Amino acid sequence: MAYVRTVPPRDARGEMAEVYRYMAEVAGTPMVAKIVQLFSLRPASMRAMIRGWEISMWAGDEPRPMRELVGAMVSRLNDCHY
């Protein structure tokens, strides 16, 4: 089984801690999914990914359940398990 080293939020320092705080602010919860933690060695990439979520999933006038549904459908069409 493959293993990818990550930095969990409790151990994050500097830029990574700042990105985890940004994630908590955007998501409204301090919980960070393991799939997101995979980006923890590249804080700039994680920040860009979170910003994309913020724009597509949390901002705007369309109800969030509808945006979640569209995102799930696009993932299914692309054969993406996430």
PDB file of N, CA and C in Angstrom:
ATOM      1  N   MET A   1       0.838  -1.177   0.000  1.00  0.00           N
ATOM      2  CA  MET A   1       0.000   0.000   0.000  1.00  0.00           C
ATOM      3  C   MET A   1       0.889   1.247   0.000  1.00  0.00           C
ATOM      4  N   ALA A   2       0.538   2.205  -0.799  1.00  0.00           N
ATOM      5  CA  ALA A   2       1.299   3.454  -0.894  1.00  0.00           C
ATOM      6  C   ALA A   2       1.101   4.296   0.364  1.00  0.00           C
ATOM      7  N   TYR A   3       2.097   5.083   0.680  1.00  0.00           N
ATOM      8  CA  TYR A   3       2.030   5.975   1.830  1.00  0.00           C
ATOM      9  C   TYR A   3       2.539   7.347   1.405  1.00  0.00           C
ATOM     10  N   VAL A   4       1.780   8.363   1.749  1.00  0.00           N
ATOM     11  CA  VAL A   4       2.173   9.739   1.463  1.00  0.00           C
ATOM     12  C   VAL A   4       2.280  10.458   2.797  1.00  0.00           C
ATOM     13  N   ARG A   5       3.434  10.993   3.082  1.00  0.00           N
ATOM     14  CA  ARG A   5       3.636  11.749   4.322  1.00  0.00           C
ATOM     15  C   ARG A   5       2.804  13.025   4.257  1.00  0.00           C
ATOM     16  N   THR A   6       2.131  13.330   5.334  1.00  0.00           N
ATOM     17  CA  THR A   6       1.334  14.558   5.408  1.00  0.00           C
ATOM     18  C   THR A   6       1.645  15.283   6.709  1.00  0.00           C
ATOM     19  N   VAL A   7       1.224  16.531   6.769  1.00  0.00           N
ATOM     20  CA  VAL A   7       1.347  17.321   7.990  1.00  0.00           C
ATOM     21  C   VAL A   7      -0.067  17.528   8.515  1.00  0.00           C
ATOM     22  N   PRO A   8      -0.443  16.869   9.619  1.00  0.00           N
ATOM     23  CA  PRO A   8      -1.786  17.071  10.158  1.00  0.00           C
ATOM     24  C   PRO A   8      -1.935  18.492  10.710  1.00  0.00           C
ATOM     25  N   PRO A   9      -3.155  18.994  10.773  1.00  0.00           N
ATOM     26  CA  PRO A   9      -3.361  20.369  11.237  1.00  0.00           C
ATOM     27  C   PRO A   9      -2.708  20.663  12.592  1.00  0.00           C
ATOM     28  N   ARG A  10      -2.734  19.725  13.516  1.00  0.00           N
ATOM     29  CA  ARG A  10      -2.164  19.978  14.855  1.00  0.00           C
ATOM     30  C   ARG A  10      -0.650  20.174  14.824  1.00  0.00           C
ATOM     31  N   ASP A  11       0.022  19.674  13.782  1.00  0.00           N
ATOM     32  CA  ASP A  11       1.481  19.794  13.674  1.00  0.00           C
ATOM     33  C   ASP A  11       1.927  20.890  12.705  1.00  0.00           C
ATOM     34  N   ALA A  12       0.986  21.543  12.065  1.00  0.00           N
ATOM     35  CA  ALA A  12       1.318  22.538  11.040  1.00  0.00           C
ATOM     36  C   ALA A  12       1.925  23.793  11.666  1.00  0.00           C
ATOM     37  N   ARG A  13       2.896  24.343  10.972  1.00  0.00           N
ATOM     38  CA  ARG A  13       3.562  25.581  11.389  1.00  0.00           C
ATOM     39  C   ARG A  13       3.658  26.505  10.176  1.00  0.00           C
ATOM     40  N   GLY A  14       3.840  27.784  10.432  1.00  0.00           N
ATOM     41  CA  GLY A  14       4.083  28.746   9.368  1.00  0.00           C
ATOM     42  C   GLY A  14       2.998  28.782   8.308  1.00  0.00           C
ATOM     43  N   GLU A  15       3.429  28.725   7.049  1.00  0.00           N
ATOM     44  CA  GLU A  15       2.504  28.843   5.919  1.00  0.00           C
ATOM     45  C   GLU A  15       1.444  27.738   5.938  1.00  0.00           C
ATOM     46  N   MET A  16       1.843  26.518   6.316  1.00  0.00           N
ATOM     47  CA  MET A  16       0.885  25.419   6.326  1.00  0.00           C
ATOM     48  C   MET A  16      -0.199  25.656   7.371  1.00  0.00           C
ATOM     49  N   ALA A  17       0.169  26.150   8.541  1.00  0.00           N
ATOM     50  CA  ALA A  17      -0.818  26.463   9.574  1.00  0.00           C
ATOM     51  C   ALA A  17      -1.780  27.541   9.081  1.00  0.00           C
ATOM     52  N   GLU A  18      -1.242  28.512   8.357  1.00  0.00           N
ATOM     53  CA  GLU A  18      -2.068  29.576   7.795  1.00  0.00           C
ATOM     54  C   GLU A  18      -3.072  29.012   6.785  1.00  0.00           C
ATOM     55  N   VAL A  19      -2.630  28.078   5.964  1.00  0.00           N
ATOM     56  CA  VAL A  19      -3.522  27.470   4.969  1.00  0.00           C
ATOM     57  C   VAL A  19      -4.603  26.648   5.660  1.00  0.00           C
ATOM     58  N   TYR A  20      -4.251  25.917   6.718  1.00  0.00           N
ATOM     59  CA  TYR A  20      -5.263  25.164   7.462  1.00  0.00           C
ATOM     60  C   TYR A  20      -6.282  26.109   8.109  1.00  0.00           C
ATOM     61  N   ARG A  21      -5.840  27.260   8.607  1.00  0.00           N
ATOM     62  CA  ARG A  21      -6.779  28.250   9.161  1.00  0.00           C
ATOM     63  C   ARG A  21      -7.718  28.751   8.064  1.00  0.00           C
ATOM     64  N   TYR A  22      -7.170  28.991   6.881  1.00  0.00           N
ATOM     65  CA  TYR A  22      -7.983  29.417   5.734  1.00  0.00           C
ATOM     66  C   TYR A  22      -9.015  28.348   5.401  1.00  0.00           C
ATOM     67  N   MET A  23      -8.607  27.086   5.417  1.00  0.00           N
ATOM     68  CA  MET A  23      -9.529  25.985   5.140  1.00  0.00           C
ATOM     69  C   MET A  23     -10.662  25.972   6.159  1.00  0.00           C
ATOM     70  N   ALA A  24     -10.338  26.136   7.434  1.00  0.00           N
ATOM     71  CA  ALA A  24     -11.360  26.138   8.487  1.00  0.00           C
ATOM     72  C   ALA A  24     -12.333  27.303   8.294  1.00  0.00           C
ATOM     73  N   GLU A  25     -11.807  28.450   7.901  1.00  0.00           N
ATOM     74  CA  GLU A  25     -12.643  29.627   7.665  1.00  0.00           C
ATOM     75  C   GLU A  25     -13.597  29.387   6.493  1.00  0.00           C
ATOM     76  N   VAL A  26     -13.089  28.856   5.416  1.00  0.00           N
ATOM     77  CA  VAL A  26     -13.894  28.608   4.218  1.00  0.00           C
ATOM     78  C   VAL A  26     -14.933  27.524   4.476  1.00  0.00           C
ATOM     79  N   ALA A  27     -14.512  26.437   5.123  1.00  0.00           N
ATOM     80  CA  ALA A  27     -15.398  25.289   5.331  1.00  0.00           C
ATOM     81  C   ALA A  27     -16.316  25.457   6.535  1.00  0.00           C
ATOM     82  N   GLY A  28     -15.943  26.343   7.450  1.00  0.00           N
ATOM     83  CA  GLY A  28     -16.759  26.531   8.643  1.00  0.00           C
ATOM     84  C   GLY A  28     -16.527  25.453   9.702  1.00  0.00           C
ATOM     85  N   THR A  29     -15.454  24.692   9.577  1.00  0.00           N
ATOM     86  CA  THR A  29     -15.120  23.642  10.537  1.00  0.00           C
ATOM     87  C   THR A  29     -13.606  23.428  10.529  1.00  0.00           C
ATOM     88  N   PRO A  30     -13.026  23.092  11.676  1.00  0.00           N
ATOM     89  CA  PRO A  30     -11.579  22.850  11.701  1.00  0.00           C
ATOM     90  C   PRO A  30     -11.185  21.477  11.155  1.00  0.00           C
ATOM     91  N   MET A  31     -12.170  20.591  10.909  1.00  0.00           N
ATOM     92  CA  MET A  31     -11.862  19.267  10.391  1.00  0.00           C
ATOM     93  C   MET A  31     -11.330  19.371   8.971  1.00  0.00           C
ATOM     94  N   VAL A  32     -10.231  18.670   8.704  1.00  0.00           N
ATOM     95  CA  VAL A  32      -9.631  18.669   7.371  1.00  0.00           C
ATOM     96  C   VAL A  32      -9.557  17.225   6.897  1.00  0.00           C
ATOM     97  N   ALA A  33     -10.245  16.920   5.813  1.00  0.00           N
ATOM     98  CA  ALA A  33     -10.266  15.561   5.282  1.00  0.00           C
ATOM     99  C   ALA A  33      -8.861  15.110   4.889  1.00  0.00           C
ATOM    100  N   LYS A  34      -8.625  13.815   5.003  1.00  0.00           N
ATOM    101  CA  LYS A  34      -7.311  13.254   4.656  1.00  0.00           C
ATOM    102  C   LYS A  34      -6.942  13.537   3.203  1.00  0.00           C
ATOM    103  N   ILE A  35      -7.927  13.531   2.311  1.00  0.00           N
ATOM    104  CA  ILE A  35      -7.642  13.806   0.898  1.00  0.00           C
ATOM    105  C   ILE A  35      -7.080  15.224   0.730  1.00  0.00           C
ATOM    106  N   VAL A  36      -7.515  16.151   1.567  1.00  0.00           N
ATOM    107  CA  VAL A  36      -7.004  17.523   1.523  1.00  0.00           C
ATOM    108  C   VAL A  36      -5.597  17.567   2.135  1.00  0.00           C
ATOM    109  N   GLN A  37      -5.385  16.799   3.196  1.00  0.00           N
ATOM    110  CA  GLN A  37      -4.081  16.777   3.854  1.00  0.00           C
ATOM    111  C   GLN A  37      -2.978  16.250   2.942  1.00  0.00           C
ATOM    112  N   LEU A  38      -3.340  15.558   1.882  1.00  0.00           N
ATOM    113  CA  LEU A  38      -2.330  15.090   0.929  1.00  0.00           C
ATOM    114  C   LEU A  38      -1.553  16.254   0.314  1.00  0.00           C
ATOM    115  N   PHE A  39      -2.146  17.441   0.309  1.00  0.00           N
ATOM    116  CA  PHE A  39      -1.502  18.624  -0.253  1.00  0.00           C
ATOM    117  C   PHE A  39      -0.641  19.362   0.776  1.00  0.00           C
ATOM    118  N   SER A  40      -0.535  18.833   1.991  1.00  0.00           N
ATOM    119  CA  SER A  40       0.092  19.575   3.083  1.00  0.00           C
ATOM    120  C   SER A  40       1.582  19.836   2.885  1.00  0.00           C
ATOM    121  N   LEU A  41       2.245  19.121   2.008  1.00  0.00           N
ATOM    122  CA  LEU A  41       3.658  19.410   1.743  1.00  0.00           C
ATOM    123  C   LEU A  41       3.820  20.501   0.689  1.00  0.00           C
ATOM    124  N   ARG A  42       2.715  20.903   0.084  1.00  0.00           N
ATOM    125  CA  ARG A  42       2.711  21.968  -0.929  1.00  0.00           C
ATOM    126  C   ARG A  42       1.607  22.978  -0.572  1.00  0.00           C
ATOM    127  N   PRO A  43       1.857  23.836   0.424  1.00  0.00           N
ATOM    128  CA  PRO A  43       0.824  24.756   0.888  1.00  0.00           C
ATOM    129  C   PRO A  43       0.231  25.634  -0.214  1.00  0.00           C
ATOM    130  N   ALA A  44       1.026  26.072  -1.154  1.00  0.00           N
ATOM    131  CA  ALA A  44       0.503  26.923  -2.233  1.00  0.00           C
ATOM    132  C   ALA A  44      -0.522  26.152  -3.071  1.00  0.00           C
ATOM    133  N   SER A  45      -0.246  24.881  -3.329  1.00  0.00           N
ATOM    134  CA  SER A  45      -1.198  24.066  -4.087  1.00  0.00           C
ATOM    135  C   SER A  45      -2.476  23.854  -3.293  1.00  0.00           C
ATOM    136  N   MET A  46      -2.332  23.621  -1.979  1.00  0.00           N
ATOM    137  CA  MET A  46      -3.518  23.440  -1.146  1.00  0.00           C
ATOM    138  C   MET A  46      -4.350  24.716  -1.120  1.00  0.00           C
ATOM    139  N   ARG A  47      -3.689  25.858  -0.992  1.00  0.00           N
ATOM    140  CA  ARG A  47      -4.411  27.137  -0.973  1.00  0.00           C
ATOM    141  C   ARG A  47      -5.190  27.340  -2.281  1.00  0.00           C
ATOM    142  N   ALA A  48      -4.572  27.014  -3.405  1.00  0.00           N
ATOM    143  CA  ALA A  48      -5.251  27.158  -4.700  1.00  0.00           C
ATOM    144  C   ALA A  48      -6.455  26.217  -4.790  1.00  0.00           C
ATOM    145  N   MET A  49      -6.313  24.998  -4.300  1.00  0.00           N
ATOM    146  CA  MET A  49      -7.418  24.042  -4.316  1.00  0.00           C
ATOM    147  C   MET A  49      -8.568  24.544  -3.443  1.00  0.00           C
ATOM    148  N   ILE A  50      -8.255  25.036  -2.254  1.00  0.00           N
ATOM    149  CA  ILE A  50      -9.289  25.552  -1.355  1.00  0.00           C
ATOM    150  C   ILE A  50      -9.977  26.757  -1.982  1.00  0.00           C
ATOM    151  N   ARG A  51      -9.208  27.621  -2.601  1.00  0.00           N
ATOM    152  CA  ARG A  51      -9.780  28.799  -3.273  1.00  0.00           C
ATOM    153  C   ARG A  51     -10.751  28.364  -4.371  1.00  0.00           C
ATOM    154  N   GLY A  52     -10.394  27.330  -5.116  1.00  0.00           N
ATOM    155  CA  GLY A  52     -11.303  26.800  -6.129  1.00  0.00           C
ATOM    156  C   GLY A  52     -12.597  26.311  -5.521  1.00  0.00           C
ATOM    157  N   TRP A  53     -12.501  25.601  -4.393  1.00  0.00           N
ATOM    158  CA  TRP A  53     -13.716  25.160  -3.695  1.00  0.00           C
ATOM    159  C   TRP A  53     -14.529  26.351  -3.221  1.00  0.00           C
ATOM    160  N   GLU A  54     -13.828  27.342  -2.681  1.00  0.00           N
ATOM    161  CA  GLU A  54     -14.518  28.523  -2.162  1.00  0.00           C
ATOM    162  C   GLU A  54     -15.326  29.195  -3.265  1.00  0.00           C
ATOM    163  N   ILE A  55     -14.735  29.326  -4.424  1.00  0.00           N
ATOM    164  CA  ILE A  55     -15.405  29.976  -5.543  1.00  0.00           C
ATOM    165  C   ILE A  55     -16.552  29.123  -6.077  1.00  0.00           C
ATOM    166  N   SER A  56     -16.307  27.822  -6.226  1.00  0.00           N
ATOM    167  CA  SER A  56     -17.314  26.972  -6.867  1.00  0.00           C
ATOM    168  C   SER A  56     -18.362  26.420  -5.919  1.00  0.00           C
ATOM    169  N   MET A  57     -18.031  26.246  -4.651  1.00  0.00           N
ATOM    170  CA  MET A  57     -18.968  25.578  -3.759  1.00  0.00           C
ATOM    171  C   MET A  57     -19.550  26.460  -2.657  1.00  0.00           C
ATOM    172  N   TRP A  58     -18.827  27.453  -2.206  1.00  0.00           N
ATOM    173  CA  TRP A  58     -19.307  28.211  -1.063  1.00  0.00           C
ATOM    174  C   TRP A  58     -19.712  29.640  -1.396  1.00  0.00           C
ATOM    175  N   ALA A  59     -19.379  30.127  -2.554  1.00  0.00           N
ATOM    176  CA  ALA A  59     -19.723  31.502  -2.926  1.00  0.00           C
ATOM    177  C   ALA A  59     -20.867  31.485  -3.931  1.00  0.00           C
ATOM    178  N   GLY A  60     -21.558  32.572  -4.038  1.00  0.00           N
ATOM    179  CA  GLY A  60     -22.604  32.678  -5.047  1.00  0.00           C
ATOM    180  C   GLY A  60     -24.000  32.527  -4.473  1.00  0.00           C
ATOM    181  N   ASP A  61     -24.979  32.682  -5.346  1.00  0.00           N
ATOM    182  CA  ASP A  61     -26.379  32.687  -4.931  1.00  0.00           C
ATOM    183  C   ASP A  61     -27.063  31.329  -5.037  1.00  0.00           C
ATOM    184  N   GLU A  62     -26.511  30.437  -5.829  1.00  0.00           N
ATOM    185  CA  GLU A  62     -27.133  29.112  -5.992  1.00  0.00           C
ATOM    186  C   GLU A  62     -27.058  28.363  -4.660  1.00  0.00           C
ATOM    187  N   PRO A  63     -28.135  27.691  -4.254  1.00  0.00           N
ATOM    188  CA  PRO A  63     -28.095  26.959  -2.981  1.00  0.00           C
ATOM    189  C   PRO A  63     -26.970  25.909  -2.982  1.00  0.00           C
ATOM    190  N   ARG A  64     -26.317  25.776  -1.848  1.00  0.00           N
ATOM    191  CA  ARG A  64     -25.191  24.848  -1.753  1.00  0.00           C
ATOM    192  C   ARG A  64     -25.575  23.415  -2.126  1.00  0.00           C
ATOM    193  N   PRO A  65     -26.734  22.899  -1.699  1.00  0.00           N
ATOM    194  CA  PRO A  65     -27.072  21.525  -2.113  1.00  0.00           C
ATOM    195  C   PRO A  65     -27.073  21.344  -3.641  1.00  0.00           C
ATOM    196  N   MET A  66     -27.506  22.371  -4.364  1.00  0.00           N
ATOM    197  CA  MET A  66     -27.502  22.281  -5.827  1.00  0.00           C
ATOM    198  C   MET A  66     -26.071  22.243  -6.356  1.00  0.00           C
ATOM    199  N   ARG A  67     -25.192  23.066  -5.782  1.00  0.00           N
ATOM    200  CA  ARG A  67     -23.784  23.061  -6.213  1.00  0.00           C
ATOM    201  C   ARG A  67     -23.125  21.728  -5.895  1.00  0.00           C
ATOM    202  N   GLU A  68     -23.449  21.160  -4.724  1.00  0.00           N
ATOM    203  CA  GLU A  68     -22.918  19.844  -4.359  1.00  0.00           C
ATOM    204  C   GLU A  68     -23.389  18.788  -5.356  1.00  0.00           C
ATOM    205  N   LEU A  69     -24.654  18.867  -5.743  1.00  0.00           N
ATOM    206  CA  LEU A  69     -25.217  17.916  -6.698  1.00  0.00           C
ATOM    207  C   LEU A  69     -24.513  18.023  -8.051  1.00  0.00           C
ATOM    208  N   VAL A  70     -24.300  19.239  -8.517  1.00  0.00           N
ATOM    209  CA  VAL A  70     -23.602  19.443  -9.793  1.00  0.00           C
ATOM    210  C   VAL A  70     -22.173  18.902  -9.695  1.00  0.00           C
ATOM    211  N   GLY A  71     -21.495  19.192  -8.582  1.00  0.00           N
ATOM    212  CA  GLY A  71     -20.138  18.689  -8.397  1.00  0.00           C
ATOM    213  C   GLY A  71     -20.091  17.167  -8.383  1.00  0.00           C
ATOM    214  N   ALA A  72     -21.047  16.553  -7.698  1.00  0.00           N
ATOM    215  CA  ALA A  72     -21.094  15.086  -7.658  1.00  0.00           C
ATOM    216  C   ALA A  72     -21.359  14.509  -9.040  1.00  0.00           C
ATOM    217  N   MET A  73     -22.231  15.153  -9.797  1.00  0.00           N
ATOM    218  CA  MET A  73     -22.548  14.659 -11.139  1.00  0.00           C
ATOM    219  C   MET A  73     -21.337  14.781 -12.069  1.00  0.00           C
ATOM    220  N   VAL A  74     -20.638  15.889 -11.992  1.00  0.00           N
ATOM    221  CA  VAL A  74     -19.439  16.067 -12.809  1.00  0.00           C
ATOM    222  C   VAL A  74     -18.397  15.014 -12.451  1.00  0.00           C
ATOM    223  N   SER A  75     -18.227  14.755 -11.148  1.00  0.00           N
ATOM    224  CA  SER A  75     -17.285  13.725 -10.709  1.00  0.00           C
ATOM    225  C   SER A  75     -17.694  12.366 -11.261  1.00  0.00           C
ATOM    226  N   ARG A  76     -18.976  12.070 -11.217  1.00  0.00           N
ATOM    227  CA  ARG A  76     -19.448  10.782 -11.736  1.00  0.00           C
ATOM    228  C   ARG A  76     -19.195  10.680 -13.246  1.00  0.00           C
ATOM    229  N   LEU A  77     -19.488  11.749 -13.964  1.00  0.00           N
ATOM    230  CA  LEU A  77     -19.259  11.742 -15.415  1.00  0.00           C
ATOM    231  C   LEU A  77     -17.776  11.558 -15.747  1.00  0.00           C
ATOM    232  N   ASN A  78     -16.903  12.077 -14.867  1.00  0.00           N
ATOM    233  CA  ASN A  78     -15.457  11.958 -15.069  1.00  0.00           C
ATOM    234  C   ASN A  78     -14.885  10.695 -14.419  1.00  0.00           C
ATOM    235  N   ASP A  79     -15.761   9.838 -13.905  1.00  0.00           N
ATOM    236  CA  ASP A  79     -15.344   8.596 -13.243  1.00  0.00           C
ATOM    237  C   ASP A  79     -14.383   8.873 -12.093  1.00  0.00           C
ATOM    238  N   CYS A  80     -14.654   9.954 -11.348  1.00  0.00           N
ATOM    239  CA  CYS A  80     -13.845  10.348 -10.203  1.00  0.00           C
ATOM    240  C   CYS A  80     -14.549   9.887  -8.927  1.00  0.00           C
ATOM    241  N   HIS A  81     -13.838   9.182  -8.067  1.00  0.00           N
ATOM    242  CA  HIS A  81     -14.443   8.652  -6.852  1.00  0.00           C
ATOM    243  C   HIS A  81     -14.559   9.695  -5.744  1.00  0.00           C
ATOM    244  N   TYR A  82     -13.981  10.856  -5.941  1.00  0.00           N
ATOM    245  CA  TYR A  82     -14.067  11.893  -4.911  1.00  0.00           C
ATOM    246  C   TYR A  82     -15.073  12.925  -5.312  1.00  0.00           C
TER     247      TYR A  82
END
